[in-house]
Each structure stands twice: as C-alpha cells, then as structure tokens.
Protein backbone atom coordinates (compact mmCIF):
# COMPACT_ATOMS: atom_id res chain seq x y z
CA ARG A 1 196.63 -110.92 192.50
CA TYR A 2 197.60 -109.24 189.29
CA GLY A 3 199.44 -111.41 186.85
CA ARG A 4 196.59 -113.78 186.13
CA SER A 5 195.21 -113.54 182.64
CA GLY A 6 192.67 -110.74 182.47
CA ASP A 7 193.37 -109.48 185.99
CA LEU A 8 194.97 -106.02 185.99
CA GLY A 9 195.11 -105.71 189.77
CA GLU A 10 191.94 -103.68 190.14
CA ASN A 11 190.79 -105.73 193.14
CA LEU A 12 193.88 -105.03 195.25
CA GLY A 13 193.16 -103.25 198.52
CA SER A 14 195.83 -100.68 197.63
CA GLN A 15 193.63 -99.49 194.77
CA GLY A 16 190.94 -98.19 197.09
CA PRO A 17 187.30 -98.00 196.03
CA ARG A 18 188.10 -96.74 192.48
CA GLY A 19 190.11 -99.83 191.42
CA PRO A 20 187.36 -101.58 189.45
CA TYR A 21 186.56 -98.40 187.50
CA TRP A 22 189.97 -97.73 185.94
CA ARG A 23 190.02 -101.16 184.30
CA LYS A 24 187.19 -100.05 181.99
CA CYS A 25 188.93 -96.82 180.93
CA ARG A 26 190.37 -97.39 177.44
CA ALA A 27 192.25 -94.08 177.41
CA SER A 28 194.29 -94.91 180.50
CA ASN A 29 194.78 -98.62 179.79
CA GLY A 30 195.62 -98.69 176.07
CA TRP A 31 199.32 -99.15 176.80
CA MET A 32 198.54 -102.48 178.49
CA ARG A 33 197.27 -104.01 175.27
CA ARG A 34 199.97 -102.82 172.85
CA ASP A 35 203.61 -103.69 172.40
CA VAL A 36 204.80 -100.19 173.29
CA LEU A 37 206.84 -101.04 176.40
CA SER A 38 209.59 -103.55 177.01
CA GLU A 39 208.76 -106.41 179.38
CA GLY A 40 210.63 -104.71 182.24
CA GLU A 41 208.95 -101.35 181.60
CA HIS A 42 205.56 -103.08 181.49
CA THR A 43 206.24 -104.77 184.85
CA VAL A 44 207.23 -101.48 186.49
CA ALA A 45 204.22 -99.73 184.93
CA LEU A 46 201.89 -102.35 186.40
CA GLN A 47 203.53 -101.99 189.82
CA LEU A 48 203.09 -98.23 189.66
CA ARG A 49 199.50 -98.58 188.44
CA THR A 50 198.58 -100.97 191.26
CA ASN A 51 200.54 -99.14 193.98
CA THR A 52 202.78 -102.16 194.57
CA TYR A 53 206.11 -100.61 193.51
CA PRO A 54 208.67 -101.44 196.23
CA THR A 55 209.34 -98.01 197.73
CA ARG A 56 211.16 -97.79 201.05
CA GLU A 57 207.96 -96.69 202.75
CA ALA A 58 206.02 -99.65 201.34
CA MET A 59 208.76 -102.17 202.11
CA SER A 60 209.03 -101.00 205.73
CA ARG A 61 205.33 -101.34 206.57
CA GLY A 62 204.92 -103.44 209.68
CA ARG A 63 208.62 -103.15 210.56
CA LYS A 64 210.22 -100.89 213.12
CA GLY A 65 213.37 -98.86 212.62
CA GLY A 66 213.65 -99.17 208.84
CA ASN A 67 215.04 -96.34 206.75
CA VAL A 68 212.11 -94.83 204.85
CA MET A 69 213.87 -91.72 203.54
CA CYS A 70 214.29 -91.32 199.79
CA ARG A 71 217.44 -93.09 198.62
CA ARG A 72 218.06 -90.42 195.96
CA CYS A 73 217.51 -87.10 197.73
CA GLY A 74 217.21 -88.12 201.40
CA GLN A 75 214.85 -85.19 202.00
CA SER A 76 211.47 -86.93 202.27
CA VAL A 77 209.84 -90.29 202.89
CA GLU A 78 210.20 -92.44 199.76
CA THR A 79 206.62 -92.94 198.54
CA LEU A 80 205.21 -93.21 195.03
CA GLY A 81 203.96 -89.65 195.32
CA HIS A 82 207.38 -88.38 196.27
CA ILE A 83 209.16 -90.29 193.49
CA THR A 84 206.69 -89.45 190.74
CA ARG A 85 205.94 -85.83 191.62
CA GLN A 86 208.33 -84.25 194.11
CA CYS A 87 211.87 -85.69 194.18
CA LEU A 88 214.23 -83.17 192.63
CA ALA A 89 216.94 -85.84 192.22
CA VAL A 90 214.86 -87.64 189.58
CA LYS A 91 213.19 -84.61 187.98
CA CYS A 92 215.16 -85.01 184.73
CA ASN A 93 214.11 -88.67 184.48
CA ARG A 94 210.46 -87.71 185.12
CA ILE A 95 210.61 -85.25 182.24
CA LYS A 96 212.19 -87.89 179.94
CA ARG A 97 209.46 -90.41 180.86
CA HIS A 98 206.78 -87.81 180.25
CA ASN A 99 208.21 -87.05 176.82
CA LYS A 100 208.41 -90.78 176.02
CA VAL A 101 204.74 -91.24 176.91
CA CYS A 102 203.84 -88.24 174.75
CA GLY A 103 205.78 -89.80 171.86
CA ILE A 104 203.97 -93.11 172.31
CA LEU A 105 200.60 -91.39 172.31
CA VAL A 106 201.45 -89.37 169.19
CA SER A 107 202.66 -92.47 167.32
CA ALA A 108 199.53 -94.42 168.35
CA THR A 109 197.16 -91.92 166.71
C-alpha cells in the first residue's frame, strides 16, 4: 500500500502494532521529506522501513524447498535482521552506510 501520496506504509501488516506511531516521529522520518537520497536509495530505504525488502526468507514464504540462506555469507537465514546487523560479509558496507547517515544528519543541522 505504500507509494500512494501521503502513505508511508504504516498500515502494512508487516509493521506490527507500532506502524502508525512511527509515521508521526519527525526525527526518524526527516529523510523522507528531503532530497538527501537518490531515487533508488529512497526506494530501498522505504522497503527496509516497511519490512518489504526482498530477502530470501521473505521471498520464500509460502513456498517449499527454496534456498533461504544468506547469498553473501551462507551461514544464516537471509532476513533483514541478519543483513542489517549480523552478516560479516557486508559489515564494511554497513559501516559505510552508517557513516553516510551520520554525514547526512550533520549536514542537516
């Protein structure tokens, strides 16, 4: 449902009961209203925010026999939690993204 003007995906079932609350949080949603990300980065950020990023685990729901292991490290099920917090194969990229966000926040103040 996200994509409609004014709808940030807070009513998606994947958001759980807290979905409607994060929409009102200016601190965590400021990036959505500024030209700080490219169009592609913005799309991925929205997918991550709404838990709709196409991980192997998410894409295999309802299917039997699909490969759900992380395509980078192969050590764990590929979920958003694994990609964003645990996968050692993308640790360097996580640090670069973190530093980019810090730079955006510093330049916005």
